[in-house]
């Protein structure tokens, strides 16, 4: 709102940097621009005040999808007046020269125009979508449709930005959808849990199989070790038996050779004795006997003992 100071017969207007002022007096344009400050006569002056800063227009309206489901669309439009001359020609932005307030409500007229045009484009695109698609992709599609088709140049405005906040079904349908999605998510969670358990069981089975395979391999190796040890022990026993047999054979051969040598010696001695006279043999036997008899301290010879000997010697 412009700041107007009152003086007798005159008024002074002081504008703002974000407000475009048009001053027309008797059909002639006297002042136009932003941030103006000037004197004017209230009886002949026609003043218009057009805001040129960015304005936001929030909207909330209902729409119906292709499958006859009601949804609520929430969006915000940011616009700015870029052509104040056209805006003042199409919309009443005139202000009271005494108070500086708008005579009408131009912002409400702009809001109605933009809202109706935006709803038209949004309803058109949502009418081609079913509820599920509208909820999942409706925000981007509505934003694209409104951005491509909404224009306000005919009233001197420029659309700066369009933000579609949300597209929601009614409370009962949203609850039903949430229940369905919640159950689906729960099913996915249960599936993931079952898969995780199955994977854990499979891993445990694999570990058990690996342990069993390791035990089998270890048992096989132990069996091979026992067999090898038995073979080694058998070979050792055979080697020992063979060595013992060789030693016994060598010992027996030695004994046999010694016996043969003794027998040969005895035979040779007997052969030598065979050629010696019998009396000599008796003498040698007596000598041998005398050498082996114990010590005799005294010997008593009787005629009964000597007589046979003398008779033999005489013969």
Protein backbone atom coordinates (compact mmCIF):
# COMPACT_ATOMS: atom_id res chain seq x y z
CA UNK A 1 0.00 0.00 0.00
CA UNK A 2 1.33 3.41 -1.01
CA UNK A 3 2.14 5.96 1.67
CA UNK A 4 0.03 9.08 0.98
CA UNK A 5 0.45 12.27 2.99
CA UNK A 6 -2.44 14.71 3.07
CA UNK A 7 -2.09 18.48 2.59
CA UNK A 8 -4.75 21.11 1.77
CA UNK A 9 -5.59 20.65 -1.93
CA UNK A 10 -2.54 18.37 -2.48
CA UNK A 11 -1.36 14.89 -1.71
CA UNK A 12 2.08 13.35 -1.63
CA UNK A 13 2.65 9.75 -2.62
CA UNK A 14 5.70 7.75 -1.67
CA UNK A 15 5.97 4.32 -3.28
CA UNK A 16 8.16 1.26 -2.60
CA UNK A 17 10.83 -0.58 -4.61
CA UNK A 18 8.49 -3.56 -5.13
CA UNK A 19 5.45 -1.55 -6.22
CA UNK A 20 4.83 -0.15 -9.68
CA UNK A 21 2.90 3.17 -9.59
CA UNK A 22 0.99 4.64 -12.54
CA UNK A 23 -0.19 8.24 -12.24
CA UNK A 24 -2.63 9.43 -14.90
CA UNK A 25 -4.05 12.95 -14.82
CA UNK A 26 -6.79 13.97 -17.26
CA UNK A 27 -6.00 10.97 -19.46
CA UNK A 28 -2.25 11.68 -19.60
CA UNK A 29 0.42 9.50 -18.01
CA UNK A 30 2.30 11.65 -15.55
CA UNK A 31 4.34 9.22 -13.47
CA UNK A 32 5.13 5.52 -13.89
CA UNK A 33 7.66 3.24 -12.22
CA UNK A 34 8.82 1.74 -8.94
CA UNK A 35 10.11 3.63 -5.93
CA UNK A 36 8.42 6.90 -7.03
CA UNK A 37 7.70 9.89 -4.84
CA UNK A 38 5.60 12.80 -6.19
CA UNK A 39 2.86 15.38 -5.51
CA UNK A 40 -0.56 15.11 -7.13
CA UNK A 41 -4.03 16.62 -7.01
CA UNK A 42 -6.51 14.11 -5.61
CA UNK A 43 -9.48 15.48 -7.57
CA UNK A 44 -7.95 14.79 -11.00
CA UNK A 45 -5.37 12.06 -10.35
CA UNK A 46 -5.95 8.40 -11.25
CA UNK A 47 -3.51 6.18 -9.39
CA UNK A 48 -2.74 2.46 -9.87
CA UNK A 49 -0.50 0.34 -7.68
CA UNK A 50 0.80 -2.96 -9.08
CA UNK A 51 3.06 -5.18 -6.92
CA UNK A 52 5.99 -6.50 -8.95
CA UNK A 53 7.57 -8.75 -6.33
CA UNK A 54 7.25 -12.57 -6.39
CA UNK A 55 3.95 -13.76 -5.04
CA UNK A 56 3.00 -17.28 -3.98
CA UNK A 57 -0.47 -18.69 -4.50
CA UNK A 58 -1.17 -21.95 -2.60
CA UNK A 59 -3.96 -24.17 -3.92
CA UNK A 60 -5.88 -27.12 -2.55
CA UNK A 61 -8.57 -28.71 -4.70
CA UNK A 62 -10.21 -32.07 -5.41
CA UNK A 63 -9.96 -34.10 -8.59
CA UNK A 64 -11.24 -37.43 -9.90
CA UNK A 65 -9.07 -40.13 -11.44
CA UNK A 66 -9.86 -42.35 -14.40
CA UNK A 67 -11.19 -45.07 -12.08
CA UNK A 68 -13.54 -42.59 -10.36
CA UNK A 69 -11.51 -42.10 -7.21
CA UNK A 70 -11.34 -38.73 -5.48
CA UNK A 71 -7.91 -37.24 -4.80
CA UNK A 72 -6.78 -34.01 -3.22
CA UNK A 73 -4.18 -31.94 -5.05
CA UNK A 74 -1.95 -29.56 -3.14
CA UNK A 75 0.30 -27.22 -5.10
CA UNK A 76 1.80 -23.74 -5.00
CA UNK A 77 2.32 -21.29 -7.88
CA UNK A 78 4.87 -18.50 -7.76
CA UNK A 79 4.17 -15.60 -10.12
CA UNK A 80 5.27 -12.03 -10.75
CA UNK A 81 3.83 -9.06 -12.64
CA UNK A 82 6.18 -8.30 -15.51
CA UNK A 83 3.89 -6.05 -17.54
CA UNK A 84 2.18 -3.56 -15.21
CA UNK A 85 0.59 -1.64 -18.10
CA UNK A 86 -1.23 -4.78 -19.31
CA UNK A 87 -2.07 -5.73 -15.76
CA UNK A 88 -3.68 -2.37 -15.02
CA UNK A 89 -5.58 -2.57 -18.29
CA UNK A 90 -7.00 -6.02 -17.53
CA UNK A 91 -7.38 -5.87 -13.75
CA UNK A 92 -8.43 -3.01 -11.52
CA UNK A 93 -5.32 -2.00 -9.51
CA UNK A 94 -6.59 1.55 -8.81
CA UNK A 95 -6.04 3.00 -5.34
CA UNK A 96 -7.87 5.64 -3.34
CA UNK A 97 -5.92 8.92 -3.63
CA UNK A 98 -6.76 9.75 -0.03
CA UNK A 99 -5.96 6.46 1.72
CA UNK A 100 -3.71 4.62 -0.75
CA UNK A 101 -5.73 1.39 -0.52
CA UNK A 102 -7.03 -0.60 -3.46
CA UNK A 103 -10.58 0.19 -4.49
CA UNK A 104 -11.10 -3.48 -5.50
CA UNK A 105 -9.30 -6.73 -4.63
CA UNK A 106 -7.01 -7.37 -7.62
CA UNK A 107 -4.98 -10.13 -5.95
CA UNK A 108 -8.12 -12.19 -5.39
CA UNK A 109 -9.03 -11.78 -9.04
CA UNK A 110 -5.55 -12.97 -10.05
CA UNK A 111 -5.81 -15.90 -7.61
CA UNK A 112 -9.18 -16.96 -9.06
CA UNK A 113 -7.88 -16.77 -12.62
CA UNK A 114 -4.74 -18.78 -11.89
CA UNK A 115 -6.57 -21.32 -9.72
CA UNK A 116 -9.24 -22.06 -12.32
CA UNK A 117 -6.69 -22.39 -15.10
CA UNK A 118 -4.43 -24.61 -12.98
CA UNK A 119 -7.32 -26.83 -11.92
CA UNK A 120 -8.38 -27.23 -15.54
CA UNK A 121 -4.97 -28.60 -16.59
CA UNK A 122 -4.56 -30.74 -13.44
CA UNK A 123 -8.05 -32.27 -13.75
CA UNK A 124 -7.41 -33.04 -17.39
CA UNK A 125 -4.23 -35.02 -16.74
CA UNK A 126 -5.56 -36.75 -13.59
CA UNK A 127 -8.66 -37.87 -15.48
CA UNK A 128 -6.44 -40.07 -17.64
CA UNK A 129 -4.72 -41.80 -14.69
CA UNK A 130 -5.99 -44.47 -12.34
CA UNK A 131 -5.60 -44.02 -8.61
CA UNK A 132 -2.42 -46.06 -8.22
CA UNK A 133 -0.66 -44.25 -11.08
CA UNK A 134 -1.86 -40.88 -9.85
CA UNK A 135 -0.42 -41.51 -6.41
CA UNK A 136 2.90 -42.86 -7.73
CA UNK A 137 3.58 -40.53 -10.68
CA UNK A 138 0.81 -37.92 -10.53
CA UNK A 139 2.96 -35.24 -8.90
CA UNK A 140 5.43 -35.08 -11.79
CA UNK A 141 2.74 -35.41 -14.44
CA UNK A 142 0.55 -32.67 -12.98
CA UNK A 143 3.55 -30.38 -12.59
CA UNK A 144 4.58 -30.99 -16.20
CA UNK A 145 1.07 -30.45 -17.55
CA UNK A 146 0.53 -27.22 -15.59
CA UNK A 147 4.00 -25.89 -16.43
CA UNK A 148 3.53 -26.52 -20.16
CA UNK A 149 -0.01 -25.12 -20.42
CA UNK A 150 -0.48 -22.50 -17.72
CA UNK A 151 0.12 -18.94 -18.94
CA UNK A 152 -0.84 -15.56 -17.53
CA UNK A 153 0.80 -13.24 -20.05
CA UNK A 154 -2.63 -11.96 -21.09
CA UNK A 155 -2.97 -10.29 -17.71
CA UNK A 156 0.66 -9.16 -17.54
CA UNK A 157 1.91 -11.95 -15.25
CA UNK A 158 4.79 -14.43 -15.54
CA UNK A 159 4.69 -17.87 -13.92
CA UNK A 160 7.97 -18.29 -12.04
CA UNK A 161 7.58 -21.73 -10.48
CA UNK A 162 5.05 -24.51 -9.96
CA UNK A 163 5.42 -26.90 -7.03
CA UNK A 164 3.06 -29.85 -6.65
CA UNK A 165 3.28 -30.75 -2.97
CA UNK A 166 1.10 -33.86 -2.83
CA UNK A 167 -1.69 -35.86 -4.43
CA UNK A 168 -3.60 -37.86 -1.85
CA UNK A 169 -6.73 -40.01 -1.90
CA UNK A 170 -9.48 -39.61 0.68
CA UNK A 171 -8.89 -40.83 4.22
CA UNK A 172 -10.62 -44.22 3.88
CA UNK A 173 -8.93 -45.06 0.59
CA UNK A 174 -5.56 -43.91 1.89
CA UNK A 175 -6.00 -46.14 4.94
CA UNK A 176 -6.93 -49.08 2.72
CA UNK A 177 -3.92 -48.47 0.49
CA UNK A 178 -1.68 -48.14 3.49
CA UNK A 179 -3.00 -51.45 4.82
CA UNK A 180 -2.37 -53.12 1.47
CA UNK A 181 1.10 -51.67 1.19
CA UNK A 182 1.82 -52.49 4.82
CA UNK A 183 0.79 -56.10 4.26
CA UNK A 184 2.88 -56.27 1.12
CA UNK A 185 5.86 -54.83 2.94
CA UNK A 186 5.28 -57.30 5.77
CA UNK A 187 5.15 -60.13 3.26
CA UNK A 188 8.40 -58.94 1.74
CA UNK A 189 9.91 -58.73 5.20
CA UNK A 190 8.69 -62.23 6.03
CA UNK A 191 10.05 -63.47 2.72
CA UNK A 192 13.38 -61.85 3.45
CA UNK A 193 13.36 -63.41 6.92
CA UNK A 194 12.56 -66.86 5.51
CA UNK A 195 15.23 -66.48 2.85
CA UNK A 196 17.71 -65.38 5.48
CA UNK A 197 16.81 -68.38 7.65
CA UNK A 198 17.00 -70.71 4.64
CA UNK A 199 20.36 -69.25 3.77
CA UNK A 200 21.51 -69.74 7.35
CA UNK A 201 20.31 -73.36 7.29
CA UNK A 202 22.00 -73.89 3.95
CA UNK A 203 25.20 -72.42 5.32
CA UNK A 204 24.98 -74.63 8.40
CA UNK A 205 24.36 -77.65 6.18
CA UNK A 206 27.31 -76.68 4.01
CA UNK A 207 29.47 -76.26 7.10
CA UNK A 208 28.31 -79.64 8.45
CA UNK A 209 29.01 -81.27 5.10
CA UNK A 210 32.44 -79.69 5.03
CA UNK A 211 33.15 -80.88 8.55
CA UNK A 212 31.89 -84.38 7.66
CA UNK A 213 33.96 -84.36 4.50
CA UNK A 214 36.98 -83.27 6.51
CA UNK A 215 36.34 -86.06 9.02
CA UNK A 216 36.00 -88.58 6.20
CA UNK A 217 39.19 -87.32 4.62
CA UNK A 218 40.93 -87.43 7.98
CA UNK A 219 39.66 -90.99 8.58
CA UNK A 220 40.92 -91.99 5.15
CA UNK A 221 44.29 -90.50 5.90
CA UNK A 222 44.35 -92.20 9.30
CA UNK A 223 43.47 -95.49 7.57
CA UNK A 224 46.28 -94.96 5.08
CA UNK A 225 48.58 -94.09 7.99
CA UNK A 226 47.59 -97.27 9.86
CA UNK A 227 48.09 -99.33 6.71
CA UNK A 228 51.43 -97.68 6.10
CA UNK A 229 52.46 -98.22 9.70
CA UNK A 230 51.40 -101.89 9.44
CA UNK A 231 53.32 -102.24 6.20
CA UNK A 232 56.35 -100.60 7.81
CA UNK A 233 56.05 -102.87 10.87
CA UNK A 234 55.63 -105.94 8.65
CA UNK A 235 58.62 -104.97 6.57
CA UNK A 236 60.62 -104.32 9.70
CA UNK A 237 59.59 -107.71 11.13
CA UNK A 238 60.41 -109.42 7.83
CA UNK A 239 63.76 -107.66 7.72
CA UNK A 240 64.42 -108.64 11.33
CA UNK A 241 63.33 -112.24 10.68
CA UNK A 242 65.45 -112.33 7.56
CA UNK A 243 68.43 -110.97 9.47
CA UNK A 244 67.81 -113.44 12.31
CA UNK A 245 67.49 -116.27 9.83
CA UNK A 246 70.72 -115.24 8.15
CA UNK A 247 72.43 -114.98 11.54
CA UNK A 248 71.06 -118.36 12.62
CA UNK A 249 72.12 -119.90 9.36
CA UNK A 250 75.57 -118.39 9.72
CA UNK A 251 75.78 -119.60 13.32
CA UNK A 252 74.54 -123.07 12.38
CA UNK A 253 76.99 -123.18 9.52
CA UNK A 254 79.78 -122.20 11.92
CA UNK A 255 78.69 -124.83 14.40
CA UNK A 256 78.45 -127.40 11.66
CA UNK A 257 81.88 -126.53 10.33
CA UNK A 258 83.30 -126.61 13.86
CA UNK A 259 81.70 -129.98 14.47
CA UNK A 260 82.99 -131.23 11.18
CA UNK A 261 86.44 -129.95 12.05
CA UNK A 262 86.28 -131.57 15.47
CA UNK A 263 85.01 -134.79 13.91
CA UNK A 264 87.76 -134.67 11.34
CA UNK A 265 90.34 -134.06 14.06
CA UNK A 266 88.92 -136.88 16.17
CA UNK A 267 88.93 -139.15 13.15
CA UNK A 268 92.49 -138.22 12.37
CA UNK A 269 93.44 -138.91 15.98
CA UNK A 270 91.67 -142.25 15.91
CA UNK A 271 93.35 -143.12 12.67
CA UNK A 272 96.69 -142.30 14.28
CA UNK A 273 95.84 -144.46 17.29
CA UNK A 274 94.86 -147.35 15.02
CA UNK A 275 98.50 -147.81 13.91
CA UNK A 276 99.92 -147.61 17.45
CA UNK A 277 100.44 -150.93 19.33
CA UNK A 278 97.92 -151.80 21.97
CA UNK A 279 100.46 -151.69 24.77
CA UNK A 280 101.41 -148.19 23.82
CA UNK A 281 97.78 -147.21 23.81
CA UNK A 282 97.37 -148.62 27.28
CA UNK A 283 100.36 -146.65 28.39
CA UNK A 284 98.99 -143.49 26.87
CA UNK A 285 95.60 -144.15 28.39
CA UNK A 286 97.19 -144.65 31.73
CA UNK A 287 99.07 -141.43 31.30
CA UNK A 288 95.93 -139.62 30.33
CA UNK A 289 94.10 -141.13 33.22
CA UNK A 290 96.87 -140.25 35.58
CA UNK A 291 96.70 -136.67 34.37
CA UNK A 292 93.01 -136.49 35.16
CA UNK A 293 93.02 -138.36 38.48
CA UNK A 294 93.00 -136.45 41.75
CA UNK A 295 96.19 -136.10 43.73
CA UNK A 296 97.20 -139.38 45.42
CA UNK A 297 99.16 -139.05 48.62
CA UNK A 298 100.15 -142.70 48.95
CA UNK A 299 99.67 -145.82 46.82
CA UNK A 300 99.61 -149.36 48.20
CA UNK A 301 100.39 -152.09 45.67
CA UNK A 302 99.43 -155.61 46.55
CA UNK A 303 100.44 -158.77 44.75
CA UNK A 304 96.89 -159.13 43.50
CA UNK A 305 97.19 -155.88 41.53
CA UNK A 306 100.73 -156.25 40.18
CA UNK A 307 100.63 -159.88 39.13
CA UNK A 308 98.14 -159.41 36.25
CA UNK A 309 100.08 -156.42 34.96
CA UNK A 310 103.36 -158.24 34.99
CA UNK A 311 101.83 -161.16 33.22
CA UNK A 312 100.57 -158.87 30.47
CA UNK A 313 103.91 -157.18 30.13
CA UNK A 314 105.62 -160.58 29.91
CA UNK A 315 103.29 -161.65 27.14
